[in-house]
Amino acid sequence: MERYEMAELLSKKAGVSLEEARQALEENNWDLLDAMIALERAHKTAGAAVHTETGPGDSGTVRPVKNVSGHQGPRFFSNGFAVLWEYIKKLFRITLDNDFVVLRHGKPLLSIPVLVLIVLLLASFGLMLVVLVAGLFCSCRYRFEGRQLGRDSINDAMGKMSDLADDIKESFQDRGDGQA
């Protein structure tokens, strides 16, 4: 779809001027859904739902429809669902773009997408918890790599868990040495 056509469509659907529609599209990288949401948040859209008539002799005129019941009806549901779907897609993309890495003595043993880790945890939480804790006591360290989850704050927390497991392991070794 050509940019002018996108602006024209948004203008009709949102009940705003062609210039406002074009500006909203430019500000949202020419994404129709994001531009529509931005216009709604800025309260620039028509106050009522927009209905397109295409009856005989009608050239597809756009006219506002009164909202008697006070709720937004199917339009609200479809916009809400579209926003929810975009959020789900972003979360899914994050789980694929970031990796869960298992290190032992500084060398990577395993690197899997976070999505695989989530599926394994959901499929067998108890077993995965035992494996992860046992890995901590076998000198394994865990970290996330990737743009969203590879931040220092997250990996520092993972490092503190590993340090705690090392401290517990050392305290058990010290007890064993003292009793012998």
C-alpha atoms as a PDB file:
ATOM      1  CA  MET A   1       0.000   0.000   0.000  1.00  0.00           C
ATOM      2  CA  GLU A   2       1.365   3.400  -0.970  1.00  0.00           C
ATOM      3  CA  ARG A   3       1.968   5.942   1.801  1.00  0.00           C
ATOM      4  CA  TYR A   4      -0.647   8.350   0.469  1.00  0.00           C
ATOM      5  CA  GLU A   5      -3.226   5.531   0.434  1.00  0.00           C
ATOM      6  CA  MET A   6      -2.277   4.604   3.999  1.00  0.00           C
ATOM      7  CA  ALA A   7      -2.748   8.207   5.129  1.00  0.00           C
ATOM      8  CA  GLU A   8      -6.067   8.405   3.300  1.00  0.00           C
ATOM      9  CA  LEU A   9      -7.300   5.153   4.879  1.00  0.00           C
ATOM     10  CA  LEU A  10      -6.238   6.264   8.360  1.00  0.00           C
ATOM     11  CA  SER A  11      -7.866   9.632   7.823  1.00  0.00           C
ATOM     12  CA  LYS A  12     -11.177   7.975   6.941  1.00  0.00           C
ATOM     13  CA  LYS A  13     -11.091   5.350   9.676  1.00  0.00           C
ATOM     14  CA  ALA A  14     -10.002   7.709  12.464  1.00  0.00           C
ATOM     15  CA  GLY A  15     -12.060  10.680  11.326  1.00  0.00           C
ATOM     16  CA  VAL A  16      -9.068  13.033  11.214  1.00  0.00           C
ATOM     17  CA  SER A  17      -7.617  15.265   8.533  1.00  0.00           C
ATOM     18  CA  LEU A  18      -5.278  13.841   5.929  1.00  0.00           C
ATOM     19  CA  GLU A  19      -2.418  15.908   7.391  1.00  0.00           C
ATOM     20  CA  GLU A  20      -3.013  14.570  10.930  1.00  0.00           C
ATOM     21  CA  ALA A  21      -3.114  11.023   9.576  1.00  0.00           C
ATOM     22  CA  ARG A  22       0.129  11.507   7.626  1.00  0.00           C
ATOM     23  CA  GLN A  23       1.848  13.010  10.673  1.00  0.00           C
ATOM     24  CA  ALA A  24       0.717  10.124  12.904  1.00  0.00           C
ATOM     25  CA  LEU A  25       1.974   7.599  10.351  1.00  0.00           C
ATOM     26  CA  GLU A  26       5.362   9.321  10.083  1.00  0.00           C
ATOM     27  CA  GLU A  27       5.725   9.373  13.863  1.00  0.00           C
ATOM     28  CA  ASN A  28       4.963   5.632  14.000  1.00  0.00           C
ATOM     29  CA  ASN A  29       7.173   4.417  11.121  1.00  0.00           C
ATOM     30  CA  TRP A  30       4.184   4.086   8.787  1.00  0.00           C
ATOM     31  CA  ASP A  31       2.568   1.401  10.967  1.00  0.00           C
ATOM     32  CA  LEU A  32      -1.206   1.813  10.596  1.00  0.00           C
ATOM     33  CA  LEU A  33      -2.102   0.162  13.891  1.00  0.00           C
ATOM     34  CA  ASP A  34       0.413   2.163  15.927  1.00  0.00           C
ATOM     35  CA  ALA A  35      -0.669   5.384  14.214  1.00  0.00           C
ATOM     36  CA  MET A  36      -4.349   4.663  14.973  1.00  0.00           C
ATOM     37  CA  ILE A  37      -3.515   3.945  18.616  1.00  0.00           C
ATOM     38  CA  ALA A  38      -1.468   7.149  18.844  1.00  0.00           C
ATOM     39  CA  LEU A  39      -4.364   9.169  17.443  1.00  0.00           C
ATOM     40  CA  GLU A  40      -6.793   7.558  19.896  1.00  0.00           C
ATOM     41  CA  ARG A  41      -4.477   8.244  22.829  1.00  0.00           C
ATOM     42  CA  ALA A  42      -4.179  11.862  21.731  1.00  0.00           C
ATOM     43  CA  HIS A  43      -8.005  12.002  21.574  1.00  0.00           C
ATOM     44  CA  LYS A  44      -7.876  13.123  17.960  1.00  0.00           C
ATOM     45  CA  THR A  45     -10.160  10.424  16.572  1.00  0.00           C
ATOM     46  CA  ALA A  46     -13.873  10.941  16.071  1.00  0.00           C
ATOM     47  CA  GLY A  47     -15.716  10.546  19.378  1.00  0.00           C
ATOM     48  CA  ALA A  48     -17.977   7.869  17.974  1.00  0.00           C
ATOM     49  CA  ALA A  49     -17.279   4.724  16.046  1.00  0.00           C
ATOM     50  CA  VAL A  50     -16.898   5.118  12.291  1.00  0.00           C
ATOM     51  CA  HIS A  51     -19.097   3.133   9.920  1.00  0.00           C
ATOM     52  CA  THR A  52     -18.636   2.807   6.167  1.00  0.00           C
ATOM     53  CA  GLU A  53     -21.790   2.447   4.125  1.00  0.00           C
ATOM     54  CA  THR A  54     -21.630   0.730   0.746  1.00  0.00           C
ATOM     55  CA  GLY A  55     -25.260   0.445  -0.218  1.00  0.00           C
ATOM     56  CA  PRO A  56     -26.711   0.878  -3.709  1.00  0.00           C
ATOM     57  CA  GLY A  57     -26.035   4.358  -5.031  1.00  0.00           C
ATOM     58  CA  ASP A  58     -23.680   5.040  -2.133  1.00  0.00           C
ATOM     59  CA  SER A  59     -20.060   5.847  -2.920  1.00  0.00           C
ATOM     60  CA  GLY A  60     -18.640   4.528   0.360  1.00  0.00           C
ATOM     61  CA  THR A  61     -19.302   7.597   2.484  1.00  0.00           C
ATOM     62  CA  VAL A  62     -18.045   7.611   6.029  1.00  0.00           C
ATOM     63  CA  ARG A  63     -20.317   8.829   8.780  1.00  0.00           C
ATOM     64  CA  PRO A  64     -20.118   8.651  12.591  1.00  0.00           C
ATOM     65  CA  VAL A  65     -22.414   6.263  14.415  1.00  0.00           C
ATOM     66  CA  LYS A  66     -23.839   7.201  17.797  1.00  0.00           C
ATOM     67  CA  ASN A  67     -22.653   5.030  20.661  1.00  0.00           C
ATOM     68  CA  VAL A  68     -25.824   4.642  22.723  1.00  0.00           C
ATOM     69  CA  SER A  69     -24.788   1.932  25.174  1.00  0.00           C
ATOM     70  CA  GLY A  70     -21.576   3.596  26.355  1.00  0.00           C
ATOM     71  CA  HIS A  71     -19.257   0.735  25.417  1.00  0.00           C
ATOM     72  CA  GLN A  72     -17.096   0.623  22.345  1.00  0.00           C
ATOM     73  CA  GLY A  73     -18.359  -2.714  21.052  1.00  0.00           C
ATOM     74  CA  PRO A  74     -16.606  -4.795  18.402  1.00  0.00           C
ATOM     75  CA  ARG A  75     -14.243  -1.984  17.412  1.00  0.00           C
ATOM     76  CA  PHE A  76     -12.885  -1.782  20.950  1.00  0.00           C
ATOM     77  CA  PHE A  77     -12.527  -5.561  21.101  1.00  0.00           C
ATOM     78  CA  SER A  78     -10.714  -5.790  17.766  1.00  0.00           C
ATOM     79  CA  ASN A  79      -8.350  -2.919  18.636  1.00  0.00           C
ATOM     80  CA  GLY A  80      -7.711  -4.384  22.079  1.00  0.00           C
ATOM     81  CA  PHE A  81      -7.073  -7.799  20.601  1.00  0.00           C
ATOM     82  CA  ALA A  82      -4.726  -6.325  17.985  1.00  0.00           C
ATOM     83  CA  VAL A  83      -2.728  -4.564  20.702  1.00  0.00           C
ATOM     84  CA  LEU A  84      -2.628  -7.753  22.783  1.00  0.00           C
ATOM     85  CA  TRP A  85      -1.545  -9.771  19.743  1.00  0.00           C
ATOM     86  CA  GLU A  86       1.293  -7.309  19.029  1.00  0.00           C
ATOM     87  CA  TYR A  87       2.427  -7.593  22.660  1.00  0.00           C
ATOM     88  CA  ILE A  88       2.393 -11.401  22.460  1.00  0.00           C
ATOM     89  CA  LYS A  89       4.416 -11.271  19.239  1.00  0.00           C
ATOM     90  CA  LYS A  90       6.995  -8.990  20.896  1.00  0.00           C
ATOM     91  CA  LEU A  91       7.314 -11.346  23.872  1.00  0.00           C
ATOM     92  CA  PHE A  92       7.696 -14.311  21.531  1.00  0.00           C
ATOM     93  CA  ARG A  93      10.391 -12.452  19.579  1.00  0.00           C
ATOM     94  CA  ILE A  94      12.246 -11.660  22.828  1.00  0.00           C
ATOM     95  CA  THR A  95      12.246 -15.352  23.808  1.00  0.00           C
ATOM     96  CA  LEU A  96      13.766 -16.245  20.433  1.00  0.00           C
ATOM     97  CA  ASP A  97      16.303 -13.395  20.279  1.00  0.00           C
ATOM     98  CA  ASN A  98      17.779 -14.091  23.732  1.00  0.00           C
ATOM     99  CA  ASP A  99      19.638 -17.190  24.892  1.00  0.00           C
ATOM    100  CA  PHE A 100      20.003 -18.993  28.202  1.00  0.00           C
ATOM    101  CA  VAL A 101      23.663 -20.018  28.531  1.00  0.00           C
ATOM    102  CA  VAL A 102      25.153 -22.610  30.892  1.00  0.00           C
ATOM    103  CA  LEU A 103      28.853 -22.047  31.648  1.00  0.00           C
ATOM    104  CA  ARG A 104      31.275 -24.288  33.509  1.00  0.00           C
ATOM    105  CA  HIS A 105      34.689 -22.875  34.447  1.00  0.00           C
ATOM    106  CA  GLY A 106      34.034 -19.969  32.097  1.00  0.00           C
ATOM    107  CA  LYS A 107      33.415 -22.171  29.037  1.00  0.00           C
ATOM    108  CA  PRO A 108      29.937 -22.454  27.504  1.00  0.00           C
ATOM    109  CA  LEU A 109      28.371 -25.907  27.832  1.00  0.00           C
ATOM    110  CA  LEU A 110      24.926 -25.137  26.491  1.00  0.00           C
ATOM    111  CA  SER A 111      23.162 -22.241  24.822  1.00  0.00           C
ATOM    112  CA  ILE A 112      19.436 -22.452  24.118  1.00  0.00           C
ATOM    113  CA  PRO A 113      16.793 -19.872  23.225  1.00  0.00           C
ATOM    114  CA  VAL A 114      14.807 -18.646  26.231  1.00  0.00           C
ATOM    115  CA  LEU A 115      11.664 -20.064  24.588  1.00  0.00           C
ATOM    116  CA  VAL A 116      13.088 -23.599  24.899  1.00  0.00           C
ATOM    117  CA  LEU A 117      13.889 -22.969  28.571  1.00  0.00           C
ATOM    118  CA  ILE A 118      10.317 -21.776  29.201  1.00  0.00           C
ATOM    119  CA  VAL A 119       8.846 -24.814  27.437  1.00  0.00           C
ATOM    120  CA  LEU A 120      11.080 -27.161  29.454  1.00  0.00           C
ATOM    121  CA  LEU A 121      10.117 -25.421  32.700  1.00  0.00           C
ATOM    122  CA  LEU A 122       6.416 -25.640  31.855  1.00  0.00           C
ATOM    123  CA  ALA A 123       6.663 -29.293  30.782  1.00  0.00           C
ATOM    124  CA  SER A 124       8.583 -30.528  33.825  1.00  0.00           C
ATOM    125  CA  PHE A 125       9.101 -27.818  36.405  1.00  0.00           C
ATOM    126  CA  GLY A 126      10.242 -30.104  39.224  1.00  0.00           C
ATOM    127  CA  LEU A 127      12.833 -31.938  37.144  1.00  0.00           C
ATOM    128  CA  MET A 128      14.194 -28.722  35.622  1.00  0.00           C
ATOM    129  CA  LEU A 129      14.450 -27.108  39.062  1.00  0.00           C
ATOM    130  CA  VAL A 130      16.477 -30.082  40.347  1.00  0.00           C
ATOM    131  CA  VAL A 131      18.739 -29.999  37.263  1.00  0.00           C
ATOM    132  CA  LEU A 132      19.338 -26.251  37.557  1.00  0.00           C
ATOM    133  CA  VAL A 133      20.117 -26.415  41.287  1.00  0.00           C
ATOM    134  CA  ALA A 134      22.363 -29.475  40.792  1.00  0.00           C
ATOM    135  CA  GLY A 135      24.165 -27.552  38.062  1.00  0.00           C
ATOM    136  CA  LEU A 136      24.890 -24.750  40.529  1.00  0.00           C
ATOM    137  CA  PHE A 137      26.567 -27.237  42.866  1.00  0.00           C
ATOM    138  CA  CYS A 138      28.581 -28.693  39.959  1.00  0.00           C
ATOM    139  CA  SER A 139      30.273 -25.325  39.336  1.00  0.00           C
ATOM    140  CA  CYS A 140      27.906 -24.307  36.547  1.00  0.00           C
ATOM    141  CA  ARG A 141      26.930 -20.698  36.086  1.00  0.00           C
ATOM    142  CA  TYR A 142      23.900 -19.412  34.226  1.00  0.00           C
ATOM    143  CA  ARG A 143      23.476 -16.226  32.248  1.00  0.00           C
ATOM    144  CA  PHE A 144      21.267 -14.667  29.621  1.00  0.00           C
ATOM    145  CA  GLU A 145      22.663 -13.314  26.375  1.00  0.00           C
ATOM    146  CA  GLY A 146      20.821 -11.042  23.999  1.00  0.00           C
ATOM    147  CA  ARG A 147      19.729  -7.450  23.621  1.00  0.00           C
ATOM    148  CA  GLN A 148      16.762  -7.531  26.010  1.00  0.00           C
ATOM    149  CA  LEU A 149      17.785 -10.066  28.672  1.00  0.00           C
ATOM    150  CA  GLY A 150      21.596  -9.859  28.462  1.00  0.00           C
ATOM    151  CA  ARG A 151      21.724  -6.862  30.778  1.00  0.00           C
ATOM    152  CA  ASP A 152      24.203  -6.725  33.643  1.00  0.00           C
ATOM    153  CA  SER A 153      21.475  -6.383  36.288  1.00  0.00           C
ATOM    154  CA  ILE A 154      19.915  -9.718  35.308  1.00  0.00           C
ATOM    155  CA  ASN A 155      23.221 -11.535  34.955  1.00  0.00           C
ATOM    156  CA  ASP A 156      24.518 -10.080  38.245  1.00  0.00           C
ATOM    157  CA  ALA A 157      21.534 -11.642  40.018  1.00  0.00           C
ATOM    158  CA  MET A 158      22.306 -14.961  38.299  1.00  0.00           C
ATOM    159  CA  GLY A 159      25.949 -14.621  39.407  1.00  0.00           C
ATOM    160  CA  LYS A 160      24.873 -14.013  43.016  1.00  0.00           C
ATOM    161  CA  MET A 161      22.887 -17.278  42.915  1.00  0.00           C
ATOM    162  CA  SER A 162      25.980 -19.102  41.697  1.00  0.00           C
ATOM    163  CA  ASP A 163      28.124 -17.460  44.395  1.00  0.00           C
ATOM    164  CA  LEU A 164      25.601 -18.500  47.048  1.00  0.00           C
ATOM    165  CA  ALA A 165      25.711 -22.100  45.813  1.00  0.00           C
ATOM    166  CA  ASP A 166      29.538 -21.978  45.905  1.00  0.00           C
ATOM    167  CA  ASP A 167      29.449 -20.679  49.496  1.00  0.00           C
ATOM    168  CA  ILE A 168      27.064 -23.457  50.551  1.00  0.00           C
ATOM    169  CA  LYS A 169      29.228 -26.057  48.826  1.00  0.00           C
ATOM    170  CA  GLU A 170      32.367 -24.716  50.587  1.00  0.00           C
ATOM    171  CA  SER A 171      30.660 -24.749  53.981  1.00  0.00           C
ATOM    172  CA  PHE A 172      29.757 -28.419  53.502  1.00  0.00           C
ATOM    173  CA  GLN A 173      33.320 -29.198  52.437  1.00  0.00           C
ATOM    174  CA  ASP A 174      34.692 -27.386  55.525  1.00  0.00           C
ATOM    175  CA  ARG A 175      32.384 -29.421  57.786  1.00  0.00           C
ATOM    176  CA  GLY A 176      33.536 -32.629  56.148  1.00  0.00           C
ATOM    177  CA  ASP A 177      37.202 -31.671  56.636  1.00  0.00           C
ATOM    178  CA  GLY A 178      36.643 -30.740  60.304  1.00  0.00           C
ATOM    179  CA  GLN A 179      34.988 -34.069  61.196  1.00  0.00           C
ATOM    180  CA  ALA A 180      37.682 -36.290  59.681  1.00  0.00           C
END
